[in-house]
Amino acid sequence: MPGHAGTGHRERLRQRLLRGGAEALADYELLEFLLFSAIRQGDTKPLAKRLIDHFGSFSAVLGAEPGALAQVKGMGEASAAALHAVALAARRMARGEVEQQPVLGSWQSLLDYLAIDMGHLKHERVRVLYLDTRNRLIDDHLAAEGSIDEAAIHPREVIRRAFDKGASALILVHNHPSGDPEPSRADIQITNRIAEAGRLLGITVHDHVIVGRGTHVSLRAKGLI
């Protein structure tokens, strides 16, 4: 019995993926391949191209929430779940790289993790990374969703959690949905308040990293801490 339409194309993509290395497939072709698991028959190329056109890039497709993915014509719950699972796997791989070694000695791994996890967000997310005495990550705490100010993140609560977790240091992180990571006055003020509270109680604030679209800013590197 002959195979369904598209069988030969799928097999050719599979062989190129297995034999050709990291750049063997274009972005839309890799997206096609990821959709194969949920869409068992037919041509997934038009849907892959629609997704990239809709969200703007391959990474933005994988960063999209399942509900947003499902709004694109041709996407169902199964295909949205398949792409979301890939995104979660990528984040866990990146996080694993961060957890296995001292954060300050693997700064690029941390930045890669933050870019994967936060660079695509359409709203602000504030996180505090708590570190032990060897600067290993012991807690990645979602502190707030929304603007970074004292209404959303309290210096006293940030430092109290450090004691609760047995942390000796922390790194503040948040994203700018605009894509521009330059710190605002509020960003600088709240960072300094948390750093001062930490100094009084022996908790080091190593940095505040602001994540933009494909870029970042370190307040420590800019001399603002």
C-alpha atoms as a PDB file:
ATOM      1  CA  MET A   1       0.000   0.000   0.000  1.00  0.00           C
ATOM      2  CA  PRO A   2       1.571   3.336  -0.999  1.00  0.00           C
ATOM      3  CA  GLY A   3       2.476   5.808   1.697  1.00  0.00           C
ATOM      4  CA  HIS A   4       0.381   8.883   2.301  1.00  0.00           C
ATOM      5  CA  ALA A   5       1.206  12.174   0.581  1.00  0.00           C
ATOM      6  CA  GLY A   6       4.316  13.726   2.006  1.00  0.00           C
ATOM      7  CA  THR A   7       5.945  10.490   3.223  1.00  0.00           C
ATOM      8  CA  GLY A   8       8.943  10.944   0.924  1.00  0.00           C
ATOM      9  CA  HIS A   9       9.420  14.563   1.976  1.00  0.00           C
ATOM     10  CA  ARG A  10       9.329  13.617   5.648  1.00  0.00           C
ATOM     11  CA  GLU A  11      11.891  10.885   5.113  1.00  0.00           C
ATOM     12  CA  ARG A  12      14.195  13.267   3.249  1.00  0.00           C
ATOM     13  CA  LEU A  13      13.964  15.814   6.074  1.00  0.00           C
ATOM     14  CA  ARG A  14      14.672  13.087   8.609  1.00  0.00           C
ATOM     15  CA  GLN A  15      17.788  11.963   6.794  1.00  0.00           C
ATOM     16  CA  ARG A  16      19.062  15.536   6.380  1.00  0.00           C
ATOM     17  CA  LEU A  17      18.506  16.133  10.091  1.00  0.00           C
ATOM     18  CA  LEU A  18      20.344  12.963  11.101  1.00  0.00           C
ATOM     19  CA  ARG A  19      23.261  13.337   8.699  1.00  0.00           C
ATOM     20  CA  GLY A  20      23.663  17.029   8.103  1.00  0.00           C
ATOM     21  CA  GLY A  21      24.492  18.557  11.487  1.00  0.00           C
ATOM     22  CA  ALA A  22      23.101  21.545  13.341  1.00  0.00           C
ATOM     23  CA  GLU A  23      22.444  23.737  10.291  1.00  0.00           C
ATOM     24  CA  ALA A  24      21.118  21.011   7.990  1.00  0.00           C
ATOM     25  CA  LEU A  25      17.548  22.326   8.133  1.00  0.00           C
ATOM     26  CA  ALA A  26      16.225  25.841   7.693  1.00  0.00           C
ATOM     27  CA  ASP A  27      14.134  27.220  10.553  1.00  0.00           C
ATOM     28  CA  TYR A  28      10.823  26.431   8.847  1.00  0.00           C
ATOM     29  CA  GLU A  29      12.041  22.904   8.020  1.00  0.00           C
ATOM     30  CA  LEU A  30      12.990  22.225  11.619  1.00  0.00           C
ATOM     31  CA  LEU A  31       9.577  23.503  12.656  1.00  0.00           C
ATOM     32  CA  GLU A  32       8.022  21.172  10.056  1.00  0.00           C
ATOM     33  CA  PHE A  33       9.871  18.273  11.609  1.00  0.00           C
ATOM     34  CA  LEU A  34       8.704  19.168  15.113  1.00  0.00           C
ATOM     35  CA  LEU A  35       5.112  19.213  13.884  1.00  0.00           C
ATOM     36  CA  PHE A  36       5.393  15.695  12.439  1.00  0.00           C
ATOM     37  CA  SER A  37       4.802  14.109  15.860  1.00  0.00           C
ATOM     38  CA  ALA A  38       1.401  15.774  16.211  1.00  0.00           C
ATOM     39  CA  ILE A  39       0.323  15.945  12.568  1.00  0.00           C
ATOM     40  CA  ARG A  40       0.851  12.424  11.279  1.00  0.00           C
ATOM     41  CA  GLN A  41      -0.140  13.003   7.661  1.00  0.00           C
ATOM     42  CA  GLY A  42       0.002  15.788   5.136  1.00  0.00           C
ATOM     43  CA  ASP A  43       2.304  18.691   4.376  1.00  0.00           C
ATOM     44  CA  THR A  44       3.332  20.701   7.455  1.00  0.00           C
ATOM     45  CA  LYS A  45       5.445  23.194   5.494  1.00  0.00           C
ATOM     46  CA  PRO A  46       2.649  25.791   5.003  1.00  0.00           C
ATOM     47  CA  LEU A  47       1.813  25.671   8.707  1.00  0.00           C
ATOM     48  CA  ALA A  48       5.486  26.008   9.700  1.00  0.00           C
ATOM     49  CA  LYS A  49       5.855  29.074   7.479  1.00  0.00           C
ATOM     50  CA  ARG A  50       2.577  30.544   8.803  1.00  0.00           C
ATOM     51  CA  LEU A  51       3.809  30.182  12.369  1.00  0.00           C
ATOM     52  CA  ILE A  52       7.099  31.960  11.645  1.00  0.00           C
ATOM     53  CA  ASP A  53       5.288  34.720   9.742  1.00  0.00           C
ATOM     54  CA  HIS A  54       2.793  35.139  12.593  1.00  0.00           C
ATOM     55  CA  PHE A  55       5.287  35.240  15.470  1.00  0.00           C
ATOM     56  CA  GLY A  56       8.246  36.716  13.609  1.00  0.00           C
ATOM     57  CA  SER A  57      10.939  34.091  14.193  1.00  0.00           C
ATOM     58  CA  PHE A  58      11.611  30.454  15.010  1.00  0.00           C
ATOM     59  CA  SER A  59      12.512  31.293  18.610  1.00  0.00           C
ATOM     60  CA  ALA A  60       9.357  33.385  19.024  1.00  0.00           C
ATOM     61  CA  VAL A  61       7.257  30.433  17.858  1.00  0.00           C
ATOM     62  CA  LEU A  62       8.794  28.165  20.490  1.00  0.00           C
ATOM     63  CA  GLY A  63       8.467  30.911  23.101  1.00  0.00           C
ATOM     64  CA  ALA A  64       4.757  31.415  22.449  1.00  0.00           C
ATOM     65  CA  GLU A  65       2.181  30.154  24.915  1.00  0.00           C
ATOM     66  CA  PRO A  66       0.039  27.171  23.791  1.00  0.00           C
ATOM     67  CA  GLY A  67      -3.080  29.355  23.639  1.00  0.00           C
ATOM     68  CA  ALA A  68      -1.369  31.771  21.254  1.00  0.00           C
ATOM     69  CA  LEU A  69      -0.071  28.921  19.091  1.00  0.00           C
ATOM     70  CA  ALA A  70      -3.546  27.426  18.834  1.00  0.00           C
ATOM     71  CA  GLN A  71      -4.870  30.657  17.323  1.00  0.00           C
ATOM     72  CA  VAL A  72      -2.859  30.105  14.136  1.00  0.00           C
ATOM     73  CA  LYS A  73      -4.842  28.395  11.373  1.00  0.00           C
ATOM     74  CA  GLY A  74      -3.951  24.716  11.186  1.00  0.00           C
ATOM     75  CA  MET A  75      -2.734  24.427  14.772  1.00  0.00           C
ATOM     76  CA  GLY A  76      -4.594  22.173  17.169  1.00  0.00           C
ATOM     77  CA  GLU A  77      -4.109  21.282  20.811  1.00  0.00           C
ATOM     78  CA  ALA A  78      -1.769  18.381  20.000  1.00  0.00           C
ATOM     79  CA  SER A  79       0.516  20.420  17.748  1.00  0.00           C
ATOM     80  CA  ALA A  80       0.559  23.345  20.208  1.00  0.00           C
ATOM     81  CA  ALA A  81       1.487  20.925  22.992  1.00  0.00           C
ATOM     82  CA  ALA A  82       4.264  19.389  20.861  1.00  0.00           C
ATOM     83  CA  LEU A  83       5.924  22.767  20.265  1.00  0.00           C
ATOM     84  CA  HIS A  84       5.448  23.854  23.875  1.00  0.00           C
ATOM     85  CA  ALA A  85       7.124  20.639  25.054  1.00  0.00           C
ATOM     86  CA  VAL A  86      10.162  21.418  22.891  1.00  0.00           C
ATOM     87  CA  ALA A  87      10.381  24.895  24.431  1.00  0.00           C
ATOM     88  CA  LEU A  88      10.190  23.450  27.947  1.00  0.00           C
ATOM     89  CA  ALA A  89      12.887  20.912  27.098  1.00  0.00           C
ATOM     90  CA  ALA A  90      15.182  23.681  25.835  1.00  0.00           C
ATOM     91  CA  ARG A  91      14.660  25.674  29.040  1.00  0.00           C
ATOM     92  CA  ARG A  92      15.387  22.677  31.241  1.00  0.00           C
ATOM     93  CA  MET A  93      18.556  21.892  29.304  1.00  0.00           C
ATOM     94  CA  ALA A  94      19.729  25.485  29.698  1.00  0.00           C
ATOM     95  CA  ARG A  95      18.827  25.501  33.382  1.00  0.00           C
ATOM     96  CA  GLY A  96      20.750  22.259  33.872  1.00  0.00           C
ATOM     97  CA  GLU A  97      23.889  23.956  32.567  1.00  0.00           C
ATOM     98  CA  VAL A  98      23.416  26.699  35.164  1.00  0.00           C
ATOM     99  CA  GLU A  99      22.767  24.334  38.054  1.00  0.00           C
ATOM    100  CA  GLN A 100      25.836  22.167  37.476  1.00  0.00           C
ATOM    101  CA  GLN A 101      28.486  24.802  38.152  1.00  0.00           C
ATOM    102  CA  PRO A 102      29.058  28.057  40.041  1.00  0.00           C
ATOM    103  CA  VAL A 103      26.963  30.771  38.416  1.00  0.00           C
ATOM    104  CA  LEU A 104      29.675  33.448  38.446  1.00  0.00           C
ATOM    105  CA  GLY A 105      32.072  31.085  36.688  1.00  0.00           C
ATOM    106  CA  SER A 106      29.543  30.191  33.986  1.00  0.00           C
ATOM    107  CA  TRP A 107      28.020  33.594  33.305  1.00  0.00           C
ATOM    108  CA  GLN A 108      27.335  32.928  29.616  1.00  0.00           C
ATOM    109  CA  SER A 109      25.351  29.799  30.508  1.00  0.00           C
ATOM    110  CA  LEU A 110      23.244  31.910  32.849  1.00  0.00           C
ATOM    111  CA  LEU A 111      22.631  34.523  30.156  1.00  0.00           C
ATOM    112  CA  ASP A 112      21.693  31.820  27.645  1.00  0.00           C
ATOM    113  CA  TYR A 113      19.225  30.355  30.138  1.00  0.00           C
ATOM    114  CA  LEU A 114      17.664  33.741  30.869  1.00  0.00           C
ATOM    115  CA  ALA A 115      17.389  34.587  27.166  1.00  0.00           C
ATOM    116  CA  ILE A 116      15.598  31.307  26.448  1.00  0.00           C
ATOM    117  CA  ASP A 117      13.324  31.634  29.448  1.00  0.00           C
ATOM    118  CA  MET A 118      12.490  35.350  29.394  1.00  0.00           C
ATOM    119  CA  GLY A 119      13.543  36.978  26.129  1.00  0.00           C
ATOM    120  CA  HIS A 120      10.222  36.233  24.417  1.00  0.00           C
ATOM    121  CA  LEU A 121       7.869  37.430  27.172  1.00  0.00           C
ATOM    122  CA  LYS A 122       5.277  40.108  26.435  1.00  0.00           C
ATOM    123  CA  HIS A 123       5.034  41.181  30.073  1.00  0.00           C
ATOM    124  CA  GLU A 124       7.595  41.896  32.782  1.00  0.00           C
ATOM    125  CA  ARG A 125       8.706  39.055  35.012  1.00  0.00           C
ATOM    126  CA  VAL A 126      10.884  39.575  38.082  1.00  0.00           C
ATOM    127  CA  ARG A 127      13.021  36.713  39.392  1.00  0.00           C
ATOM    128  CA  VAL A 128      15.566  36.325  42.140  1.00  0.00           C
ATOM    129  CA  LEU A 129      18.310  33.721  41.774  1.00  0.00           C
ATOM    130  CA  TYR A 130      19.530  32.686  45.226  1.00  0.00           C
ATOM    131  CA  LEU A 131      23.061  31.295  45.525  1.00  0.00           C
ATOM    132  CA  ASP A 132      24.901  29.321  48.185  1.00  0.00           C
ATOM    133  CA  THR A 133      28.375  30.061  49.541  1.00  0.00           C
ATOM    134  CA  ARG A 134      29.923  28.449  46.437  1.00  0.00           C
ATOM    135  CA  ASN A 135      27.722  30.605  44.187  1.00  0.00           C
ATOM    136  CA  ARG A 136      25.672  27.629  43.044  1.00  0.00           C
ATOM    137  CA  LEU A 137      21.999  28.159  42.262  1.00  0.00           C
ATOM    138  CA  ILE A 138      19.771  26.892  45.064  1.00  0.00           C
ATOM    139  CA  ASP A 139      16.522  28.698  44.267  1.00  0.00           C
ATOM    140  CA  ASP A 140      15.126  30.369  41.136  1.00  0.00           C
ATOM    141  CA  HIS A 141      12.266  32.374  42.600  1.00  0.00           C
ATOM    142  CA  LEU A 142       9.533  34.047  40.567  1.00  0.00           C
ATOM    143  CA  ALA A 143       9.130  37.189  42.652  1.00  0.00           C
ATOM    144  CA  ALA A 144       6.573  39.108  40.616  1.00  0.00           C
ATOM    145  CA  GLU A 145       4.794  39.447  37.303  1.00  0.00           C
ATOM    146  CA  GLY A 146       4.635  43.064  36.207  1.00  0.00           C
ATOM    147  CA  SER A 147       6.690  46.193  36.794  1.00  0.00           C
ATOM    148  CA  ILE A 148       9.717  46.064  39.064  1.00  0.00           C
ATOM    149  CA  ASP A 149       8.969  48.452  41.901  1.00  0.00           C
ATOM    150  CA  GLU A 150       8.391  48.214  45.625  1.00  0.00           C
ATOM    151  CA  ALA A 151       4.720  47.459  45.063  1.00  0.00           C
ATOM    152  CA  ALA A 152       5.758  44.278  43.277  1.00  0.00           C
ATOM    153  CA  ILE A 153       9.038  43.337  44.961  1.00  0.00           C
ATOM    154  CA  HIS A 154       9.868  44.244  48.556  1.00  0.00           C
ATOM    155  CA  PRO A 155      13.545  44.437  49.596  1.00  0.00           C
ATOM    156  CA  ARG A 156      12.713  42.967  52.999  1.00  0.00           C
ATOM    157  CA  GLU A 157      10.963  39.961  51.438  1.00  0.00           C
ATOM    158  CA  VAL A 158      13.833  39.368  48.998  1.00  0.00           C
ATOM    159  CA  ILE A 159      16.360  39.253  51.840  1.00  0.00           C
ATOM    160  CA  ARG A 160      14.085  37.227  54.121  1.00  0.00           C
ATOM    161  CA  ARG A 161      13.805  34.519  51.477  1.00  0.00           C
ATOM    162  CA  ALA A 162      17.601  34.421  51.250  1.00  0.00           C
ATOM    163  CA  PHE A 163      17.730  33.497  54.942  1.00  0.00           C
ATOM    164  CA  ASP A 164      14.911  30.965  54.514  1.00  0.00           C
ATOM    165  CA  LYS A 165      16.811  29.262  51.682  1.00  0.00           C
ATOM    166  CA  GLY A 166      20.215  29.435  53.350  1.00  0.00           C
ATOM    167  CA  ALA A 167      21.514  31.685  50.561  1.00  0.00           C
ATOM    168  CA  SER A 168      24.532  33.935  50.927  1.00  0.00           C
ATOM    169  CA  ALA A 169      24.079  35.869  47.681  1.00  0.00           C
ATOM    170  CA  LEU A 170      21.534  36.649  45.011  1.00  0.00           C
ATOM    171  CA  ILE A 171      21.106  37.930  41.472  1.00  0.00           C
ATOM    172  CA  LEU A 172      18.074  39.978  40.473  1.00  0.00           C
ATOM    173  CA  VAL A 173      16.667  39.378  37.000  1.00  0.00           C
ATOM    174  CA  HIS A 174      13.846  40.868  35.013  1.00  0.00           C
ATOM    175  CA  ASN A 175      12.937  41.444  31.393  1.00  0.00           C
ATOM    176  CA  HIS A 176      11.862  44.435  29.337  1.00  0.00           C
ATOM    177  CA  PRO A 177       9.097  43.396  26.901  1.00  0.00           C
ATOM    178  CA  SER A 178       9.995  46.372  24.692  1.00  0.00           C
ATOM    179  CA  GLY A 179      13.224  44.546  23.865  1.00  0.00           C
ATOM    180  CA  ASP A 180      15.403  47.424  25.108  1.00  0.00           C
ATOM    181  CA  PRO A 181      17.268  46.289  28.249  1.00  0.00           C
ATOM    182  CA  GLU A 182      18.488  49.716  29.361  1.00  0.00           C
ATOM    183  CA  PRO A 183      17.630  50.170  33.079  1.00  0.00           C
ATOM    184  CA  SER A 184      14.982  52.644  34.151  1.00  0.00           C
ATOM    185  CA  ARG A 185      15.303  54.896  37.183  1.00  0.00           C
ATOM    186  CA  ALA A 186      12.957  52.529  39.055  1.00  0.00           C
ATOM    187  CA  ASP A 187      15.178  49.555  38.140  1.00  0.00           C
ATOM    188  CA  ILE A 188      18.222  51.296  39.601  1.00  0.00           C
ATOM    189  CA  GLN A 189      16.455  52.513  42.732  1.00  0.00           C
ATOM    190  CA  ILE A 190      14.968  49.171  43.736  1.00  0.00           C
ATOM    191  CA  THR A 191      18.297  47.424  43.030  1.00  0.00           C
ATOM    192  CA  ASN A 192      20.142  49.792  45.331  1.00  0.00           C
ATOM    193  CA  ARG A 193      17.555  49.371  48.083  1.00  0.00           C
ATOM    194  CA  ILE A 194      17.829  45.595  47.929  1.00  0.00           C
ATOM    195  CA  ALA A 195      21.643  45.779  47.800  1.00  0.00           C
ATOM    196  CA  GLU A 196      21.695  48.054  50.860  1.00  0.00           C
ATOM    197  CA  ALA A 197      19.350  45.751  52.777  1.00  0.00           C
ATOM    198  CA  GLY A 198      21.602  42.847  51.839  1.00  0.00           C
ATOM    199  CA  ARG A 199      24.759  44.620  52.999  1.00  0.00           C
ATOM    200  CA  LEU A 200      23.241  45.252  56.422  1.00  0.00           C
ATOM    201  CA  LEU A 201      22.419  41.555  56.827  1.00  0.00           C
ATOM    202  CA  GLY A 202      25.376  39.912  55.088  1.00  0.00           C
ATOM    203  CA  ILE A 203      23.639  38.950  51.832  1.00  0.00           C
ATOM    204  CA  THR A 204      25.538  39.910  48.667  1.00  0.00           C
ATOM    205  CA  VAL A 205      23.652  41.230  45.645  1.00  0.00           C
ATOM    206  CA  HIS A 206      25.967  40.186  42.822  1.00  0.00           C
ATOM    207  CA  ASP A 207      24.044  41.784  39.997  1.00  0.00           C
ATOM    208  CA  HIS A 208      20.774  42.810  38.433  1.00  0.00           C
ATOM    209  CA  VAL A 209      20.447  41.496  34.887  1.00  0.00           C
ATOM    210  CA  ILE A 210      17.852  43.020  32.586  1.00  0.00           C
ATOM    211  CA  VAL A 211      16.944  40.813  29.625  1.00  0.00           C
ATOM    212  CA  GLY A 212      15.885  42.340  26.308  1.00  0.00           C
ATOM    213  CA  ARG A 213      15.246  40.799  22.925  1.00  0.00           C
ATOM    214  CA  GLY A 214      18.495  39.120  22.018  1.00  0.00           C
ATOM    215  CA  THR A 215      20.492  41.270  24.430  1.00  0.00           C
ATOM    216  CA  HIS A 216      20.923  42.109  28.106  1.00  0.00           C
ATOM    217  CA  VAL A 217      22.317  44.687  30.509  1.00  0.00           C
ATOM    218  CA  SER A 218      24.214  44.039  33.751  1.00  0.00           C
ATOM    219  CA  LEU A 219      23.814  46.809  36.317  1.00  0.00           C
ATOM    220  CA  ARG A 220      27.065  45.623  37.919  1.00  0.00           C
ATOM    221  CA  ALA A 221      28.931  46.012  34.618  1.00  0.00           C
ATOM    222  CA  LYS A 222      27.484  49.498  34.214  1.00  0.00           C
ATOM    223  CA  GLY A 223      28.709  50.474  37.670  1.00  0.00           C
ATOM    224  CA  LEU A 224      25.183  50.947  39.017  1.00  0.00           C
ATOM    225  CA  ILE A 225      25.552  48.600  41.997  1.00  0.00           C
END
